[in-house]
Amino acid sequence: MATKTANVNSRMKLDIKQRAEEILEQLGIPRSVAIDMFYRQIIAHNGIPFSLTLPVSAPARDELTSAQFDKMMETGLKQAEEDDSFDMAEVFDELEGGIYV
């Protein structure tokens, strides 16, 4: 007896699809198998199989103690001194390109 199957159709940004499929190809996992795996994990977890939370926003200055603010500034200065930062133009390009799921 043949197993019944169903189609799943979805729309997404082209670059998201391409990037994900490049990774799936490297893993040797066909797109249909990846989707099937995701659906099975939804069933196994009785929900989305990963945390869905809003990103934590940086606190406003008036929400920080002086010690917390000084520590934050110290960390930023250390990152700047070690050139542990990102080019501003690249950051804005990435933000403007955005990833919309």
N, C-alpha and C. Protein backbone atom coordinates (compact mmCIF):
# COMPACT_ATOMS: atom_id res chain seq x y z
N MET A 1 0.84 -1.17 0.00
CA MET A 1 0.00 0.00 0.00
C MET A 1 0.89 1.24 0.00
N ALA A 2 0.64 2.16 -0.90
CA ALA A 2 1.45 3.37 -1.04
C ALA A 2 1.13 4.36 0.08
N THR A 3 2.16 5.03 0.52
CA THR A 3 1.99 6.06 1.53
C THR A 3 1.46 7.32 0.88
N LYS A 4 0.45 7.91 1.49
CA LYS A 4 -0.10 9.16 0.96
C LYS A 4 0.85 10.30 1.28
N THR A 5 0.99 11.22 0.35
CA THR A 5 1.83 12.40 0.55
C THR A 5 1.01 13.64 0.24
N ALA A 6 1.53 14.78 0.66
CA ALA A 6 0.87 16.06 0.40
C ALA A 6 1.92 17.08 0.01
N ASN A 7 1.52 18.07 -0.72
CA ASN A 7 2.41 19.15 -1.11
C ASN A 7 2.35 20.29 -0.09
N VAL A 8 3.47 20.97 0.07
CA VAL A 8 3.55 22.16 0.91
C VAL A 8 4.10 23.27 0.03
N ASN A 9 3.38 24.36 -0.06
CA ASN A 9 3.81 25.51 -0.85
C ASN A 9 4.05 26.69 0.07
N SER A 10 5.15 27.38 -0.16
CA SER A 10 5.42 28.59 0.64
C SER A 10 6.17 29.59 -0.22
N ARG A 11 6.09 30.86 0.19
CA ARG A 11 6.79 31.93 -0.51
C ARG A 11 7.77 32.55 0.47
N MET A 12 8.95 32.86 -0.03
CA MET A 12 9.97 33.50 0.79
C MET A 12 10.90 34.29 -0.11
N LYS A 13 11.71 35.12 0.52
CA LYS A 13 12.66 35.90 -0.26
C LYS A 13 13.64 34.95 -0.95
N LEU A 14 13.99 35.29 -2.18
CA LEU A 14 14.85 34.44 -3.00
C LEU A 14 16.19 34.19 -2.34
N ASP A 15 16.80 35.23 -1.76
CA ASP A 15 18.13 35.04 -1.16
C ASP A 15 18.09 34.11 0.04
N ILE A 16 17.02 34.13 0.80
CA ILE A 16 16.87 33.21 1.94
C ILE A 16 16.80 31.77 1.43
N LYS A 17 16.00 31.56 0.41
CA LYS A 17 15.86 30.22 -0.18
C LYS A 17 17.20 29.73 -0.71
N GLN A 18 17.91 30.58 -1.44
CA GLN A 18 19.18 30.19 -2.03
C GLN A 18 20.21 29.86 -0.97
N ARG A 19 20.31 30.71 0.05
CA ARG A 19 21.30 30.48 1.11
C ARG A 19 21.01 29.19 1.86
N ALA A 20 19.74 28.96 2.17
CA ALA A 20 19.37 27.74 2.90
C ALA A 20 19.64 26.51 2.05
N GLU A 21 19.31 26.57 0.77
CA GLU A 21 19.50 25.42 -0.10
C GLU A 21 20.98 25.13 -0.34
N GLU A 22 21.82 26.15 -0.32
CA GLU A 22 23.27 25.92 -0.42
C GLU A 22 23.75 25.10 0.77
N ILE A 23 23.26 25.44 1.96
CA ILE A 23 23.65 24.71 3.16
C ILE A 23 23.10 23.29 3.11
N LEU A 24 21.84 23.15 2.72
CA LEU A 24 21.25 21.81 2.61
C LEU A 24 22.03 20.95 1.62
N GLU A 25 22.46 21.55 0.53
CA GLU A 25 23.23 20.80 -0.48
C GLU A 25 24.56 20.32 0.12
N GLN A 26 25.22 21.18 0.88
CA GLN A 26 26.47 20.79 1.54
C GLN A 26 26.24 19.65 2.52
N LEU A 27 25.09 19.65 3.16
CA LEU A 27 24.74 18.59 4.10
C LEU A 27 24.23 17.33 3.41
N GLY A 28 23.92 17.45 2.13
CA GLY A 28 23.38 16.31 1.40
C GLY A 28 21.93 16.02 1.74
N ILE A 29 21.20 17.06 2.13
CA ILE A 29 19.80 16.89 2.53
C ILE A 29 18.91 17.58 1.50
N PRO A 30 18.04 16.82 0.83
CA PRO A 30 17.11 17.45 -0.11
C PRO A 30 16.14 18.38 0.63
N ARG A 31 15.68 19.41 -0.06
CA ARG A 31 14.75 20.38 0.52
C ARG A 31 13.52 19.70 1.11
N SER A 32 12.97 18.74 0.39
CA SER A 32 11.76 18.07 0.88
C SER A 32 12.02 17.32 2.18
N VAL A 33 13.20 16.74 2.32
CA VAL A 33 13.56 16.02 3.55
C VAL A 33 13.71 17.02 4.70
N ALA A 34 14.33 18.18 4.43
CA ALA A 34 14.50 19.20 5.47
C ALA A 34 13.14 19.69 5.97
N ILE A 35 12.22 19.92 5.05
CA ILE A 35 10.88 20.37 5.44
C ILE A 35 10.18 19.28 6.25
N ASP A 36 10.32 18.03 5.81
CA ASP A 36 9.73 16.90 6.54
C ASP A 36 10.33 16.81 7.95
N MET A 37 11.64 17.01 8.06
CA MET A 37 12.30 16.98 9.37
C MET A 37 11.76 18.08 10.27
N PHE A 38 11.59 19.28 9.72
CA PHE A 38 11.06 20.40 10.49
C PHE A 38 9.65 20.08 10.99
N TYR A 39 8.80 19.57 10.13
CA TYR A 39 7.43 19.22 10.53
C TYR A 39 7.43 18.14 11.61
N ARG A 40 8.32 17.16 11.48
CA ARG A 40 8.39 16.10 12.48
C ARG A 40 8.84 16.65 13.84
N GLN A 41 9.74 17.63 13.82
CA GLN A 41 10.18 18.25 15.06
C GLN A 41 9.07 19.08 15.69
N ILE A 42 8.25 19.70 14.88
CA ILE A 42 7.08 20.43 15.40
C ILE A 42 6.17 19.45 16.14
N ILE A 43 5.96 18.29 15.55
CA ILE A 43 5.13 17.26 16.19
C ILE A 43 5.79 16.77 17.48
N ALA A 44 7.09 16.47 17.42
CA ALA A 44 7.80 15.93 18.58
C ALA A 44 7.82 16.92 19.75
N HIS A 45 7.93 18.21 19.44
CA HIS A 45 7.98 19.24 20.48
C HIS A 45 6.60 19.82 20.81
N ASN A 46 5.60 19.41 20.06
CA ASN A 46 4.26 19.95 20.21
C ASN A 46 4.29 21.48 20.09
N GLY A 47 5.11 21.95 19.15
CA GLY A 47 5.27 23.38 18.91
C GLY A 47 6.52 23.62 18.08
N ILE A 48 6.88 24.86 17.91
CA ILE A 48 8.08 25.20 17.16
C ILE A 48 9.30 24.66 17.92
N PRO A 49 10.22 23.97 17.24
CA PRO A 49 11.33 23.29 17.94
C PRO A 49 12.50 24.20 18.33
N PHE A 50 12.28 25.47 18.42
CA PHE A 50 13.29 26.40 18.89
C PHE A 50 12.60 27.57 19.54
N SER A 51 13.35 28.31 20.33
CA SER A 51 12.78 29.42 21.08
C SER A 51 12.41 30.58 20.16
N LEU A 52 11.24 31.12 20.34
CA LEU A 52 10.80 32.31 19.62
C LEU A 52 10.69 33.44 20.64
N THR A 53 11.71 34.28 20.64
CA THR A 53 11.72 35.38 21.59
C THR A 53 12.11 36.66 20.86
N LEU A 54 11.70 37.76 21.43
CA LEU A 54 12.11 39.05 20.90
C LEU A 54 13.52 39.33 21.37
N PRO A 55 14.33 39.96 20.52
CA PRO A 55 15.70 40.26 20.95
C PRO A 55 15.70 41.23 22.13
N VAL A 56 16.66 41.04 23.00
CA VAL A 56 16.79 41.93 24.15
C VAL A 56 17.36 43.25 23.65
N SER A 57 16.68 44.31 23.99
CA SER A 57 17.18 45.62 23.57
C SER A 57 18.13 46.16 24.63
N ALA A 58 19.02 47.02 24.21
CA ALA A 58 19.95 47.64 25.15
C ALA A 58 19.17 48.55 26.09
N PRO A 59 19.52 48.52 27.37
CA PRO A 59 18.81 49.38 28.32
C PRO A 59 19.14 50.85 28.07
N ALA A 60 18.21 51.71 28.40
CA ALA A 60 18.44 53.16 28.31
C ALA A 60 19.41 53.56 29.41
N ARG A 61 20.12 54.66 29.19
CA ARG A 61 21.13 55.11 30.16
C ARG A 61 20.54 55.27 31.55
N ASP A 62 19.35 55.81 31.64
CA ASP A 62 18.76 56.05 32.96
C ASP A 62 18.29 54.76 33.65
N GLU A 63 18.36 53.64 32.95
CA GLU A 63 18.03 52.34 33.56
C GLU A 63 19.26 51.65 34.14
N LEU A 64 20.45 52.21 33.87
CA LEU A 64 21.70 51.61 34.32
C LEU A 64 22.25 52.32 35.55
N THR A 65 22.89 51.53 36.42
CA THR A 65 23.63 52.16 37.50
C THR A 65 24.92 52.72 36.91
N SER A 66 25.61 53.54 37.64
CA SER A 66 26.88 54.08 37.17
C SER A 66 27.87 52.97 36.89
N ALA A 67 27.89 51.95 37.74
CA ALA A 67 28.82 50.83 37.55
C ALA A 67 28.49 50.05 36.27
N GLN A 68 27.20 49.82 36.01
CA GLN A 68 26.78 49.11 34.79
C GLN A 68 27.14 49.92 33.54
N PHE A 69 26.91 51.23 33.61
CA PHE A 69 27.23 52.09 32.48
C PHE A 69 28.74 52.10 32.23
N ASP A 70 29.52 52.24 33.29
CA ASP A 70 30.98 52.25 33.16
C ASP A 70 31.48 50.93 32.56
N LYS A 71 30.91 49.82 32.97
CA LYS A 71 31.30 48.50 32.45
C LYS A 71 30.98 48.42 30.96
N MET A 72 29.82 48.92 30.56
CA MET A 72 29.43 48.90 29.16
C MET A 72 30.40 49.74 28.32
N MET A 73 30.74 50.91 28.84
CA MET A 73 31.67 51.79 28.13
C MET A 73 33.07 51.18 28.06
N GLU A 74 33.47 50.52 29.13
CA GLU A 74 34.77 49.84 29.19
C GLU A 74 34.85 48.75 28.12
N THR A 75 33.78 47.98 28.02
CA THR A 75 33.72 46.93 27.02
C THR A 75 33.82 47.51 25.61
N GLY A 76 33.09 48.58 25.36
CA GLY A 76 33.13 49.22 24.05
C GLY A 76 34.50 49.77 23.71
N LEU A 77 35.16 50.38 24.69
CA LEU A 77 36.50 50.92 24.49
C LEU A 77 37.49 49.80 24.17
N LYS A 78 37.39 48.70 24.92
CA LYS A 78 38.27 47.55 24.69
C LYS A 78 38.07 47.00 23.28
N GLN A 79 36.82 46.88 22.85
CA GLN A 79 36.55 46.40 21.50
C GLN A 79 37.14 47.34 20.45
N ALA A 80 37.03 48.63 20.67
CA ALA A 80 37.58 49.60 19.73
C ALA A 80 39.10 49.51 19.68
N GLU A 81 39.73 49.39 20.85
CA GLU A 81 41.19 49.29 20.91
C GLU A 81 41.70 48.03 20.23
N GLU A 82 40.93 46.93 20.32
CA GLU A 82 41.34 45.66 19.72
C GLU A 82 40.85 45.52 18.28
N ASP A 83 40.26 46.59 17.74
CA ASP A 83 39.69 46.58 16.40
C ASP A 83 38.68 45.45 16.24
N ASP A 84 37.95 45.18 17.31
CA ASP A 84 36.91 44.15 17.31
C ASP A 84 35.58 44.83 17.02
N SER A 85 35.45 45.27 15.77
CA SER A 85 34.26 46.01 15.39
C SER A 85 33.94 45.76 13.92
N PHE A 86 32.89 46.35 13.45
CA PHE A 86 32.44 46.18 12.08
C PHE A 86 32.45 47.53 11.37
N ASP A 87 32.74 47.49 10.09
CA ASP A 87 32.69 48.69 9.28
C ASP A 87 31.25 49.21 9.24
N MET A 88 31.07 50.49 9.54
CA MET A 88 29.73 51.06 9.63
C MET A 88 28.96 50.92 8.33
N ALA A 89 29.60 51.14 7.19
CA ALA A 89 28.93 51.04 5.89
C ALA A 89 28.42 49.62 5.67
N GLU A 90 29.23 48.62 6.05
CA GLU A 90 28.82 47.22 5.90
C GLU A 90 27.62 46.90 6.79
N VAL A 91 27.64 47.41 8.00
CA VAL A 91 26.53 47.17 8.93
C VAL A 91 25.24 47.74 8.37
N PHE A 92 25.29 48.98 7.87
CA PHE A 92 24.09 49.59 7.32
C PHE A 92 23.63 48.89 6.05
N ASP A 93 24.57 48.43 5.22
CA ASP A 93 24.19 47.67 4.02
C ASP A 93 23.44 46.41 4.42
N GLU A 94 23.96 45.74 5.45
CA GLU A 94 23.30 44.51 5.92
C GLU A 94 21.93 44.81 6.50
N LEU A 95 21.83 45.88 7.28
CA LEU A 95 20.54 46.24 7.86
C LEU A 95 19.53 46.62 6.78
N GLU A 96 19.98 47.38 5.79
CA GLU A 96 19.08 47.79 4.73
C GLU A 96 18.66 46.60 3.87
N GLY A 97 19.57 45.62 3.70
CA GLY A 97 19.23 44.41 2.95
C GLY A 97 18.23 43.57 3.72
N GLY A 98 18.37 43.59 5.02
CA GLY A 98 17.46 42.90 5.93
C GLY A 98 17.20 41.45 5.60
N ILE A 99 16.85 40.71 6.61
CA ILE A 99 16.42 39.33 6.41
C ILE A 99 14.99 39.26 6.90
N TYR A 100 14.09 39.05 5.98
CA TYR A 100 12.67 38.98 6.31
C TYR A 100 12.21 37.56 6.08
N VAL A 101 11.75 36.95 7.11
CA VAL A 101 11.30 35.56 7.02
C VAL A 101 9.80 35.51 6.95
